[in-house]
Amino acid sequence: PPPAAAAAAAVEAASSAEPEGRWRPEGAKRPLSSLSLLEVRRAWEELEGSADFRADVSLLRTDQQLRTYLLELHEEDSEKLRLIQLHAAAFASLHRELASGPPLRKPPPPPRPGE
């Protein structure tokens, strides 16, 4: 499938039961599910503009890396995953744009044997 379709499919595949997430939009004290549509849109714009988020997305060069990233979000940061799911087309476009250019940060080293 084309990268945009793969990104959208991976976003959908990562959605199921949501564990408690850690990421919150700036100043948000409530879970994402209780925010208004305007607040959700603002939260997405904040996330999409985040240098750390953009750097993370720029490292996702393969479908497997994308799936792994989304599955990790499912386990560790359901709020961020939910925003990605709600804005799947925008995320797919961002992913396509960033993955086709140079990474915005150096990838982490592979784990050493025995770790």
PDB file of N, CA and C in Angstrom:
ATOM      1  N   PRO A   1       0.829  -1.202   0.000  1.00  0.00           N
ATOM      2  CA  PRO A   1       0.000   0.000   0.000  1.00  0.00           C
ATOM      3  C   PRO A   1       0.865   1.254   0.000  1.00  0.00           C
ATOM      4  N   PRO A   2       0.360   2.381  -0.514  1.00  0.00           N
ATOM      5  CA  PRO A   2       1.123   3.620  -0.474  1.00  0.00           C
ATOM      6  C   PRO A   2       1.378   4.028   0.972  1.00  0.00           C
ATOM      7  N   PRO A   3       2.454   4.816   1.219  1.00  0.00           N
ATOM      8  CA  PRO A   3       2.791   5.189   2.603  1.00  0.00           C
ATOM      9  C   PRO A   3       1.640   5.831   3.362  1.00  0.00           C
ATOM     10  N   ALA A   4       0.857   6.690   2.717  1.00  0.00           N
ATOM     11  CA  ALA A   4      -0.261   7.340   3.418  1.00  0.00           C
ATOM     12  C   ALA A   4      -1.289   6.307   3.853  1.00  0.00           C
ATOM     13  N   ALA A   5      -1.573   5.334   2.987  1.00  0.00           N
ATOM     14  CA  ALA A   5      -2.534   4.290   3.337  1.00  0.00           C
ATOM     15  C   ALA A   5      -1.987   3.418   4.452  1.00  0.00           C
ATOM     16  N   ALA A   6      -0.689   3.122   4.394  1.00  0.00           N
ATOM     17  CA  ALA A   6      -0.070   2.311   5.445  1.00  0.00           C
ATOM     18  C   ALA A   6      -0.119   3.045   6.780  1.00  0.00           C
ATOM     19  N   ALA A   7       0.142   4.356   6.764  1.00  0.00           N
ATOM     20  CA  ALA A   7       0.097   5.139   8.001  1.00  0.00           C
ATOM     21  C   ALA A   7      -1.313   5.144   8.569  1.00  0.00           C
ATOM     22  N   ALA A   8      -2.303   5.374   7.717  1.00  0.00           N
ATOM     23  CA  ALA A   8      -3.691   5.392   8.187  1.00  0.00           C
ATOM     24  C   ALA A   8      -4.104   4.025   8.714  1.00  0.00           C
ATOM     25  N   ALA A   9      -3.692   2.957   8.026  1.00  0.00           N
ATOM     26  CA  ALA A   9      -4.027   1.601   8.478  1.00  0.00           C
ATOM     27  C   ALA A   9      -3.351   1.294   9.805  1.00  0.00           C
ATOM     28  N   ALA A  10      -2.103   1.732   9.969  1.00  0.00           N
ATOM     29  CA  ALA A  10      -1.385   1.485  11.220  1.00  0.00           C
ATOM     30  C   ALA A  10      -2.032   2.241  12.370  1.00  0.00           C
ATOM     31  N   VAL A  11      -2.499   3.460  12.103  1.00  0.00           N
ATOM     32  CA  VAL A  11      -3.198   4.240  13.133  1.00  0.00           C
ATOM     33  C   VAL A  11      -4.448   3.499  13.571  1.00  0.00           C
ATOM     34  N   GLU A  12      -5.225   3.000  12.611  1.00  0.00           N
ATOM     35  CA  GLU A  12      -6.442   2.257  12.938  1.00  0.00           C
ATOM     36  C   GLU A  12      -6.127   0.977  13.699  1.00  0.00           C
ATOM     37  N   ALA A  13      -5.069   0.270  13.296  1.00  0.00           N
ATOM     38  CA  ALA A  13      -4.718  -1.000  13.931  1.00  0.00           C
ATOM     39  C   ALA A  13      -4.302  -0.808  15.381  1.00  0.00           C
ATOM     40  N   ALA A  14      -3.747   0.350  15.691  1.00  0.00           N
ATOM     41  CA  ALA A  14      -3.272   0.588  17.051  1.00  0.00           C
ATOM     42  C   ALA A  14      -4.400   0.942  18.009  1.00  0.00           C
ATOM     43  N   SER A  15      -5.619   1.121  17.495  1.00  0.00           N
ATOM     44  CA  SER A  15      -6.720   1.515  18.371  1.00  0.00           C
ATOM     45  C   SER A  15      -7.461   0.300  18.903  1.00  0.00           C
ATOM     46  N   SER A  16      -7.513   0.221  20.192  1.00  0.00           N
ATOM     47  CA  SER A  16      -8.374  -0.738  20.897  1.00  0.00           C
ATOM     48  C   SER A  16      -8.484  -0.210  22.307  1.00  0.00           C
ATOM     49  N   ALA A  17      -8.440  -1.046  23.310  1.00  0.00           N
ATOM     50  CA  ALA A  17      -8.553  -0.564  24.691  1.00  0.00           C
ATOM     51  C   ALA A  17      -7.424   0.415  24.977  1.00  0.00           C
ATOM     52  N   GLU A  18      -7.764   1.558  25.563  1.00  0.00           N
ATOM     53  CA  GLU A  18      -6.771   2.589  25.811  1.00  0.00           C
ATOM     54  C   GLU A  18      -6.327   2.586  27.268  1.00  0.00           C
ATOM     55  N   PRO A  19      -5.042   2.299  27.537  1.00  0.00           N
ATOM     56  CA  PRO A  19      -4.537   2.455  28.897  1.00  0.00           C
ATOM     57  C   PRO A  19      -4.407   3.944  29.226  1.00  0.00           C
ATOM     58  N   GLU A  20      -4.257   4.271  30.468  1.00  0.00           N
ATOM     59  CA  GLU A  20      -4.103   5.663  30.877  1.00  0.00           C
ATOM     60  C   GLU A  20      -2.860   6.244  30.216  1.00  0.00           C
ATOM     61  N   GLY A  21      -2.997   7.374  29.550  1.00  0.00           N
ATOM     62  CA  GLY A  21      -1.883   8.003  28.846  1.00  0.00           C
ATOM     63  C   GLY A  21      -1.176   9.023  29.708  1.00  0.00           C
ATOM     64  N   ARG A  22       0.003   9.448  29.260  1.00  0.00           N
ATOM     65  CA  ARG A  22       0.776  10.434  29.989  1.00  0.00           C
ATOM     66  C   ARG A  22       0.750  11.801  29.327  1.00  0.00           C
ATOM     67  N   TRP A  23       0.765  11.840  27.999  1.00  0.00           N
ATOM     68  CA  TRP A  23       0.835  13.115  27.306  1.00  0.00           C
ATOM     69  C   TRP A  23      -0.473  13.869  27.467  1.00  0.00           C
ATOM     70  N   ARG A  24      -0.370  15.147  27.713  1.00  0.00           N
ATOM     71  CA  ARG A  24      -1.553  15.998  27.791  1.00  0.00           C
ATOM     72  C   ARG A  24      -1.243  17.275  27.012  1.00  0.00           C
ATOM     73  N   PRO A  25      -2.235  17.814  26.319  1.00  0.00           N
ATOM     74  CA  PRO A  25      -2.034  19.111  25.683  1.00  0.00           C
ATOM     75  C   PRO A  25      -1.667  20.137  26.746  1.00  0.00           C
ATOM     76  N   GLU A  26      -0.971  21.170  26.346  1.00  0.00           N
ATOM     77  CA  GLU A  26      -0.538  22.228  27.255  1.00  0.00           C
ATOM     78  C   GLU A  26      -1.693  22.673  28.142  1.00  0.00           C
ATOM     79  N   GLY A  27      -1.512  22.572  29.438  1.00  0.00           N
ATOM     80  CA  GLY A  27      -2.509  23.051  30.378  1.00  0.00           C
ATOM     81  C   GLY A  27      -3.731  22.172  30.562  1.00  0.00           C
ATOM     82  N   ALA A  28      -3.826  21.063  29.859  1.00  0.00           N
ATOM     83  CA  ALA A  28      -5.027  20.217  29.975  1.00  0.00           C
ATOM     84  C   ALA A  28      -4.965  19.390  31.250  1.00  0.00           C
ATOM     85  N   LYS A  29      -6.034  19.397  31.973  1.00  0.00           N
ATOM     86  CA  LYS A  29      -6.112  18.621  33.205  1.00  0.00           C
ATOM     87  C   LYS A  29      -7.100  17.464  33.055  1.00  0.00           C
ATOM     88  N   ARG A  30      -7.876  17.486  31.973  1.00  0.00           N
ATOM     89  CA  ARG A  30      -8.892  16.459  31.747  1.00  0.00           C
ATOM     90  C   ARG A  30      -8.418  15.491  30.668  1.00  0.00           C
ATOM     91  N   PRO A  31      -8.951  14.278  30.665  1.00  0.00           N
ATOM     92  CA  PRO A  31      -8.609  13.349  29.590  1.00  0.00           C
ATOM     93  C   PRO A  31      -9.123  13.865  28.252  1.00  0.00           C
ATOM     94  N   LEU A  32      -8.454  13.459  27.199  1.00  0.00           N
ATOM     95  CA  LEU A  32      -8.802  13.897  25.852  1.00  0.00           C
ATOM     96  C   LEU A  32     -10.267  13.638  25.533  1.00  0.00           C
ATOM     97  N   SER A  33     -10.804  12.528  26.011  1.00  0.00           N
ATOM     98  CA  SER A  33     -12.190  12.168  25.697  1.00  0.00           C
ATOM     99  C   SER A  33     -13.196  13.188  26.218  1.00  0.00           C
ATOM    100  N   SER A  34     -12.810  14.011  27.195  1.00  0.00           N
ATOM    101  CA  SER A  34     -13.745  14.994  27.734  1.00  0.00           C
ATOM    102  C   SER A  34     -13.542  16.385  27.132  1.00  0.00           C
ATOM    103  N   LEU A  35     -12.603  16.538  26.229  1.00  0.00           N
ATOM    104  CA  LEU A  35     -12.344  17.843  25.635  1.00  0.00           C
ATOM    105  C   LEU A  35     -13.335  18.129  24.509  1.00  0.00           C
ATOM    106  N   SER A  36     -13.608  19.407  24.276  1.00  0.00           N
ATOM    107  CA  SER A  36     -14.481  19.799  23.169  1.00  0.00           C
ATOM    108  C   SER A  36     -13.734  19.620  21.850  1.00  0.00           C
ATOM    109  N   LEU A  37     -14.478  19.663  20.744  1.00  0.00           N
ATOM    110  CA  LEU A  37     -13.844  19.529  19.425  1.00  0.00           C
ATOM    111  C   LEU A  37     -12.804  20.612  19.195  1.00  0.00           C
ATOM    112  N   LEU A  38     -13.085  21.833  19.637  1.00  0.00           N
ATOM    113  CA  LEU A  38     -12.130  22.922  19.473  1.00  0.00           C
ATOM    114  C   LEU A  38     -10.866  22.645  20.284  1.00  0.00           C
ATOM    115  N   GLU A  39     -11.036  22.158  21.509  1.00  0.00           N
ATOM    116  CA  GLU A  39      -9.878  21.833  22.341  1.00  0.00           C
ATOM    117  C   GLU A  39      -9.067  20.692  21.735  1.00  0.00           C
ATOM    118  N   VAL A  40      -9.744  19.710  21.158  1.00  0.00           N
ATOM    119  CA  VAL A  40      -9.048  18.594  20.507  1.00  0.00           C
ATOM    120  C   VAL A  40      -8.263  19.112  19.310  1.00  0.00           C
ATOM    121  N   ARG A  41      -8.869  19.983  18.522  1.00  0.00           N
ATOM    122  CA  ARG A  41      -8.167  20.560  17.366  1.00  0.00           C
ATOM    123  C   ARG A  41      -6.928  21.324  17.822  1.00  0.00           C
ATOM    124  N   ARG A  42      -7.072  22.112  18.872  1.00  0.00           N
ATOM    125  CA  ARG A  42      -5.921  22.865  19.395  1.00  0.00           C
ATOM    126  C   ARG A  42      -4.839  21.924  19.915  1.00  0.00           C
ATOM    127  N   ALA A  43      -5.258  20.853  20.580  1.00  0.00           N
ATOM    128  CA  ALA A  43      -4.291  19.873  21.087  1.00  0.00           C
ATOM    129  C   ALA A  43      -3.527  19.237  19.927  1.00  0.00           C
ATOM    130  N   TRP A  44      -4.237  18.904  18.835  1.00  0.00           N
ATOM    131  CA  TRP A  44      -3.558  18.333  17.663  1.00  0.00           C
ATOM    132  C   TRP A  44      -2.569  19.340  17.082  1.00  0.00           C
ATOM    133  N   GLU A  45      -2.986  20.597  16.948  1.00  0.00           N
ATOM    134  CA  GLU A  45      -2.097  21.618  16.395  1.00  0.00           C
ATOM    135  C   GLU A  45      -0.853  21.772  17.257  1.00  0.00           C
ATOM    136  N   GLU A  46      -1.034  21.691  18.568  1.00  0.00           N
ATOM    137  CA  GLU A  46       0.109  21.766  19.481  1.00  0.00           C
ATOM    138  C   GLU A  46       1.034  20.565  19.281  1.00  0.00           C
ATOM    139  N   LEU A  47       0.452  19.381  19.222  1.00  0.00           N
ATOM    140  CA  LEU A  47       1.254  18.171  19.028  1.00  0.00           C
ATOM    141  C   LEU A  47       1.955  18.208  17.677  1.00  0.00           C
ATOM    142  N   GLU A  48       1.232  18.549  16.629  1.00  0.00           N
ATOM    143  CA  GLU A  48       1.787  18.585  15.272  1.00  0.00           C
ATOM    144  C   GLU A  48       2.947  19.579  15.168  1.00  0.00           C
ATOM    145  N   GLY A  49       2.896  20.651  15.941  1.00  0.00           N
ATOM    146  CA  GLY A  49       3.955  21.653  15.924  1.00  0.00           C
ATOM    147  C   GLY A  49       5.110  21.354  16.863  1.00  0.00           C
ATOM    148  N   SER A  50       4.973  20.332  17.688  1.00  0.00           N
ATOM    149  CA  SER A  50       6.002  19.988  18.670  1.00  0.00           C
ATOM    150  C   SER A  50       7.267  19.469  17.984  1.00  0.00           C
ATOM    151  N   ALA A  51       8.403  20.074  18.314  1.00  0.00           N
ATOM    152  CA  ALA A  51       9.679  19.651  17.720  1.00  0.00           C
ATOM    153  C   ALA A  51       9.987  18.192  18.060  1.00  0.00           C
ATOM    154  N   ASP A  52       9.703  17.773  19.283  1.00  0.00           N
ATOM    155  CA  ASP A  52       9.971  16.381  19.672  1.00  0.00           C
ATOM    156  C   ASP A  52       9.107  15.409  18.875  1.00  0.00           C
ATOM    157  N   PHE A  53       7.825  15.720  18.724  1.00  0.00           N
ATOM    158  CA  PHE A  53       6.923  14.854  17.965  1.00  0.00           C
ATOM    159  C   PHE A  53       7.367  14.777  16.509  1.00  0.00           C
ATOM    160  N   ARG A  54       7.689  15.916  15.921  1.00  0.00           N
ATOM    161  CA  ARG A  54       8.126  15.937  14.524  1.00  0.00           C
ATOM    162  C   ARG A  54       9.424  15.150  14.356  1.00  0.00           C
ATOM    163  N   ALA A  55      10.318  15.249  15.324  1.00  0.00           N
ATOM    164  CA  ALA A  55      11.567  14.481  15.249  1.00  0.00           C
ATOM    165  C   ALA A  55      11.279  12.987  15.343  1.00  0.00           C
ATOM    166  N   ASP A  56      10.381  12.604  16.248  1.00  0.00           N
ATOM    167  CA  ASP A  56      10.007  11.182  16.358  1.00  0.00           C
ATOM    168  C   ASP A  56       9.434  10.670  15.039  1.00  0.00           C
ATOM    169  N   VAL A  57       8.523  11.428  14.454  1.00  0.00           N
ATOM    170  CA  VAL A  57       7.875  11.008  13.205  1.00  0.00           C
ATOM    171  C   VAL A  57       8.893  10.939  12.069  1.00  0.00           C
ATOM    172  N   SER A  58       9.873  11.830  12.075  1.00  0.00           N
ATOM    173  CA  SER A  58      10.873  11.833  10.999  1.00  0.00           C
ATOM    174  C   SER A  58      11.733  10.577  11.001  1.00  0.00           C
ATOM    175  N   LEU A  59      11.781   9.873  12.125  1.00  0.00           N
ATOM    176  CA  LEU A  59      12.578   8.641  12.224  1.00  0.00           C
ATOM    177  C   LEU A  59      11.821   7.410  11.739  1.00  0.00           C
ATOM    178  N   LEU A  60      10.537   7.540  11.471  1.00  0.00           N
ATOM    179  CA  LEU A  60       9.700   6.398  11.085  1.00  0.00           C
ATOM    180  C   LEU A  60       9.808   6.187   9.579  1.00  0.00           C
ATOM    181  N   ARG A  61      10.806   5.410   9.167  1.00  0.00           N
ATOM    182  CA  ARG A  61      11.113   5.249   7.738  1.00  0.00           C
ATOM    183  C   ARG A  61      10.431   4.044   7.099  1.00  0.00           C
ATOM    184  N   THR A  62      10.040   3.066   7.885  1.00  0.00           N
ATOM    185  CA  THR A  62       9.422   1.861   7.327  1.00  0.00           C
ATOM    186  C   THR A  62       8.046   1.654   7.958  1.00  0.00           C
ATOM    187  N   ASP A  63       7.233   0.836   7.301  1.00  0.00           N
ATOM    188  CA  ASP A  63       5.916   0.510   7.864  1.00  0.00           C
ATOM    189  C   ASP A  63       6.060  -0.151   9.229  1.00  0.00           C
ATOM    190  N   GLN A  64       7.076  -0.993   9.380  1.00  0.00           N
ATOM    191  CA  GLN A  64       7.290  -1.671  10.665  1.00  0.00           C
ATOM    192  C   GLN A  64       7.640  -0.664  11.763  1.00  0.00           C
ATOM    193  N   GLN A  65       8.484   0.316  11.456  1.00  0.00           N
ATOM    194  CA  GLN A  65       8.821   1.344  12.444  1.00  0.00           C
ATOM    195  C   GLN A  65       7.571   2.136  12.836  1.00  0.00           C
ATOM    196  N   LEU A  66       6.737   2.439  11.857  1.00  0.00           N
ATOM    197  CA  LEU A  66       5.498   3.163  12.134  1.00  0.00           C
ATOM    198  C   LEU A  66       4.582   2.339  13.028  1.00  0.00           C
ATOM    199  N   ARG A  67       4.400   1.073  12.701  1.00  0.00           N
ATOM    200  CA  ARG A  67       3.546   0.195  13.523  1.00  0.00           C
ATOM    201  C   ARG A  67       4.080   0.093  14.951  1.00  0.00           C
ATOM    202  N   THR A  68       5.391  -0.094  15.076  1.00  0.00           N
ATOM    203  CA  THR A  68       6.008  -0.205  16.401  1.00  0.00           C
ATOM    204  C   THR A  68       5.778   1.073  17.204  1.00  0.00           C
ATOM    205  N   TYR A  69       5.967   2.219  16.574  1.00  0.00           N
ATOM    206  CA  TYR A  69       5.751   3.505  17.242  1.00  0.00           C
ATOM    207  C   TYR A  69       4.310   3.623  17.745  1.00  0.00           C
ATOM    208  N   LEU A  70       3.357   3.287  16.883  1.00  0.00           N
ATOM    209  CA  LEU A  70       1.950   3.394  17.267  1.00  0.00           C
ATOM    210  C   LEU A  70       1.581   2.396  18.358  1.00  0.00           C
ATOM    211  N   LEU A  71       2.137   1.200  18.291  1.00  0.00           N
ATOM    212  CA  LEU A  71       1.882   0.217  19.354  1.00  0.00           C
ATOM    213  C   LEU A  71       2.484   0.672  20.677  1.00  0.00           C
ATOM    214  N   GLU A  72       3.666   1.295  20.625  1.00  0.00           N
ATOM    215  CA  GLU A  72       4.266   1.833  21.851  1.00  0.00           C
ATOM    216  C   GLU A  72       3.388   2.948  22.421  1.00  0.00           C
ATOM    217  N   LEU A  73       2.845   3.793  21.552  1.00  0.00           N
ATOM    218  CA  LEU A  73       1.928   4.833  22.036  1.00  0.00           C
ATOM    219  C   LEU A  73       0.702   4.211  22.683  1.00  0.00           C
ATOM    220  N   HIS A  74       0.211   3.130  22.105  1.00  0.00           N
ATOM    221  CA  HIS A  74      -0.954   2.441  22.677  1.00  0.00           C
ATOM    222  C   HIS A  74      -0.655   2.004  24.109  1.00  0.00           C
ATOM    223  N   GLU A  75       0.558   1.531  24.338  1.00  0.00           N
ATOM    224  CA  GLU A  75       0.960   1.058  25.669  1.00  0.00           C
ATOM    225  C   GLU A  75       1.297   2.209  26.614  1.00  0.00           C
ATOM    226  N   GLU A  76       1.925   3.268  26.089  1.00  0.00           N
ATOM    227  CA  GLU A  76       2.542   4.271  26.956  1.00  0.00           C
ATOM    228  C   GLU A  76       1.897   5.656  26.922  1.00  0.00           C
ATOM    229  N   ASP A  77       1.197   5.992  25.856  1.00  0.00           N
ATOM    230  CA  ASP A  77       0.715   7.367  25.709  1.00  0.00           C
ATOM    231  C   ASP A  77      -0.568   7.399  24.881  1.00  0.00           C
ATOM    232  N   SER A  78      -1.637   6.894  25.457  1.00  0.00           N
ATOM    233  CA  SER A  78      -2.894   6.757  24.719  1.00  0.00           C
ATOM    234  C   SER A  78      -3.490   8.100  24.298  1.00  0.00           C
ATOM    235  N   GLU A  79      -3.210   9.167  25.028  1.00  0.00           N
ATOM    236  CA  GLU A  79      -3.730  10.486  24.651  1.00  0.00           C
ATOM    237  C   GLU A  79      -3.134  10.923  23.310  1.00  0.00           C
ATOM    238  N   LYS A  80      -1.835  10.741  23.158  1.00  0.00           N
ATOM    239  CA  LYS A  80      -1.178  11.107  21.901  1.00  0.00           C
ATOM    240  C   LYS A  80      -1.693  10.220  20.769  1.00  0.00           C
ATOM    241  N   LEU A  81      -1.825   8.930  21.030  1.00  0.00           N
ATOM    242  CA  LEU A  81      -2.343   8.010  20.013  1.00  0.00           C
ATOM    243  C   LEU A  81      -3.747   8.424  19.599  1.00  0.00           C
ATOM    244  N   ARG A  82      -4.574   8.785  20.547  1.00  0.00           N
ATOM    245  CA  ARG A  82      -5.951   9.180  20.232  1.00  0.00           C
ATOM    246  C   ARG A  82      -5.970  10.421  19.346  1.00  0.00           C
ATOM    247  N   LEU A  83      -5.100  11.387  19.625  1.00  0.00           N
ATOM    248  CA  LEU A  83      -5.026  12.568  18.762  1.00  0.00           C
ATOM    249  C   LEU A  83      -4.617  12.174  17.346  1.00  0.00           C
ATOM    250  N   ILE A  84      -3.655  11.271  17.231  1.00  0.00           N
ATOM    251  CA  ILE A  84      -3.225  10.796  15.911  1.00  0.00           C
ATOM    252  C   ILE A  84      -4.390  10.108  15.208  1.00  0.00           C
ATOM    253  N   GLN A  85      -5.135   9.296  15.935  1.00  0.00           N
ATOM    254  CA  GLN A  85      -6.281   8.597  15.344  1.00  0.00           C
ATOM    255  C   GLN A  85      -7.344   9.582  14.866  1.00  0.00           C
ATOM    256  N   LEU A  86      -7.603  10.603  15.658  1.00  0.00           N
ATOM    257  CA  LEU A  86      -8.617  11.589  15.294  1.00  0.00           C
ATOM    258  C   LEU A  86      -8.189  12.457  14.111  1.00  0.00           C
ATOM    259  N   HIS A  87      -6.896  12.515  13.863  1.00  0.00           N
ATOM    260  CA  HIS A  87      -6.344  13.326  12.771  1.00  0.00           C
ATOM    261  C   HIS A  87      -5.482  12.448  11.866  1.00  0.00           C
ATOM    262  N   ALA A  88      -5.996  11.272  11.523  1.00  0.00           N
ATOM    263  CA  ALA A  88      -5.221  10.275  10.763  1.00  0.00           C
ATOM    264  C   ALA A  88      -4.730  10.816   9.425  1.00  0.00           C
ATOM    265  N   ALA A  89      -5.560  11.544   8.701  1.00  0.00           N
ATOM    266  CA  ALA A  89      -5.134  12.068   7.396  1.00  0.00           C
ATOM    267  C   ALA A  89      -4.014  13.092   7.565  1.00  0.00           C
ATOM    268  N   ALA A  90      -4.145  13.965   8.554  1.00  0.00           N
ATOM    269  CA  ALA A  90      -3.104  14.965   8.802  1.00  0.00           C
ATOM    270  C   ALA A  90      -1.817  14.283   9.260  1.00  0.00           C
ATOM    271  N   PHE A  91      -1.944  13.245  10.105  1.00  0.00           N
ATOM    272  CA  PHE A  91      -0.757  12.513  10.544  1.00  0.00           C
ATOM    273  C   PHE A  91      -0.094  11.818   9.360  1.00  0.00           C
ATOM    274  N   ALA A  92      -0.886  11.192   8.493  1.00  0.00           N
ATOM    275  CA  ALA A  92      -0.323  10.502   7.326  1.00  0.00           C
ATOM    276  C   ALA A  92       0.425  11.490   6.436  1.00  0.00           C
ATOM    277  N   SER A  93      -0.131  12.674   6.254  1.00  0.00           N
ATOM    278  CA  SER A  93       0.524  13.702   5.446  1.00  0.00           C
ATOM    279  C   SER A  93       1.825  14.161   6.103  1.00  0.00           C
ATOM    280  N   LEU A  94       1.782  14.399   7.410  1.00  0.00           N
ATOM    281  CA  LEU A  94       2.979  14.799   8.148  1.00  0.00           C
ATOM    282  C   LEU A  94       4.037  13.709   8.071  1.00  0.00           C
ATOM    283  N   HIS A  95       3.625  12.467   8.265  1.00  0.00           N
ATOM    284  CA  HIS A  95       4.557  11.339   8.200  1.00  0.00           C
ATOM    285  C   HIS A  95       5.204  11.261   6.819  1.00  0.00           C
ATOM    286  N   ARG A  96       4.408  11.376   5.789  1.00  0.00           N
ATOM    287  CA  ARG A  96       4.923  11.309   4.412  1.00  0.00           C
ATOM    288  C   ARG A  96       5.944  12.428   4.186  1.00  0.00           C
ATOM    289  N   GLU A  97       5.623  13.627   4.637  1.00  0.00           N
ATOM    290  CA  GLU A  97       6.510  14.781   4.469  1.00  0.00           C
ATOM    291  C   GLU A  97       7.825  14.584   5.228  1.00  0.00           C
ATOM    292  N   LEU A  98       7.731  14.198   6.488  1.00  0.00           N
ATOM    293  CA  LEU A  98       8.931  14.102   7.321  1.00  0.00           C
ATOM    294  C   LEU A  98       9.768  12.870   7.016  1.00  0.00           C
ATOM    295  N   ALA A  99       9.125  11.759   6.669  1.00  0.00           N
ATOM    296  CA  ALA A  99       9.867  10.525   6.401  1.00  0.00           C
ATOM    297  C   ALA A  99      10.619  10.592   5.076  1.00  0.00           C
ATOM    298  N   SER A 100      10.241  11.523   4.202  1.00  0.00           N
ATOM    299  CA  SER A 100      10.925  11.623   2.917  1.00  0.00           C
ATOM    300  C   SER A 100      12.138  12.546   2.983  1.00  0.00           C
ATOM    301  N   GLY A 101      12.303  13.263   4.087  1.00  0.00           N
ATOM    302  CA  GLY A 101      13.444  14.156   4.253  1.00  0.00           C
ATOM    303  C   GLY A 101      14.445  13.563   5.230  1.00  0.00           C
ATOM    304  N   PRO A 102      15.469  14.345   5.569  1.00  0.00           N
ATOM    305  CA  PRO A 102      16.443  13.848   6.541  1.00  0.00           C
ATOM    306  C   PRO A 102      15.816  13.764   7.933  1.00  0.00           C
ATOM    307  N   PRO A 103      16.247  12.789   8.743  1.00  0.00           N
ATOM    308  CA  PRO A 103      15.721  12.701  10.115  1.00  0.00           C
ATOM    309  C   PRO A 103      16.014  13.996  10.874  1.00  0.00           C
ATOM    310  N   LEU A 104      15.098  14.385  11.732  1.00  0.00           N
ATOM    311  CA  LEU A 104      15.270  15.602  12.519  1.00  0.00           C
ATOM    312  C   LEU A 104      16.049  15.353  13.805  1.00  0.00           C
ATOM    313  N   ARG A 105      16.344  14.097  14.082  1.00  0.00           N
ATOM    314  CA  ARG A 105      17.202  13.744  15.222  1.00  0.00           C
ATOM    315  C   ARG A 105      17.863  12.429  14.893  1.00  0.00           C
ATOM    316  N   LYS A 106      18.951  12.168  15.574  1.00  0.00           N
ATOM    317  CA  LYS A 106      19.686  10.928  15.366  1.00  0.00           C
ATOM    318  C   LYS A 106      18.898   9.763  15.960  1.00  0.00           C
ATOM    319  N   PRO A 107      18.759   8.651  15.214  1.00  0.00           N
ATOM    320  CA  PRO A 107      18.040   7.498  15.777  1.00  0.00           C
ATOM    321  C   PRO A 107      18.786   6.925  16.977  1.00  0.00           C
ATOM    322  N   PRO A 108      18.062   6.327  17.913  1.00  0.00           N
ATOM    323  CA  PRO A 108      18.731   5.716  19.068  1.00  0.00           C
ATOM    324  C   PRO A 108      19.573   4.529  18.611  1.00  0.00           C
ATOM    325  N   PRO A 109      20.659   4.250  19.336  1.00  0.00           N
ATOM    326  CA  PRO A 109      21.482   3.095  18.953  1.00  0.00           C
ATOM    327  C   PRO A 109      20.708   1.802  19.183  1.00  0.00           C
ATOM    328  N   PRO A 110      20.995   0.776  18.384  1.00  0.00           N
ATOM    329  CA  PRO A 110      20.325  -0.510  18.612  1.00  0.00           C
ATOM    330  C   PRO A 110      20.755  -1.089  19.956  1.00  0.00           C
ATOM    331  N   PRO A 111      19.900  -1.881  20.590  1.00  0.00           N
ATOM    332  CA  PRO A 111      20.279  -2.472  21.882  1.00  0.00           C
ATOM    333  C   PRO A 111      21.456  -3.425  21.713  1.00  0.00           C
ATOM    334  N   ARG A 112      22.296  -3.435  22.718  1.00  0.00           N
ATOM    335  CA  ARG A 112      23.437  -4.362  22.698  1.00  0.00           C
ATOM    336  C   ARG A 112      22.967  -5.743  23.102  1.00  0.00           C
ATOM    337  N   PRO A 113      23.637  -6.773  22.602  1.00  0.00           N
ATOM    338  CA  PRO A 113      23.257  -8.139  23.002  1.00  0.00           C
ATOM    339  C   PRO A 113      23.275  -8.275  24.523  1.00  0.00           C
ATOM    340  N   GLY A 114      22.263  -8.932  25.041  1.00  0.00           N
ATOM    341  CA  GLY A 114      22.182  -9.156  26.483  1.00  0.00           C
ATOM    342  C   GLY A 114      21.432  -8.068  27.229  1.00  0.00           C
ATOM    343  N   GLU A 115      20.997  -7.020  26.544  1.00  0.00           N
ATOM    344  CA  GLU A 115      20.253  -5.941  27.222  1.00  0.00           C
ATOM    345  C   GLU A 115      18.779  -6.152  27.093  1.00  0.00           C
TER     346      GLU A 115
END
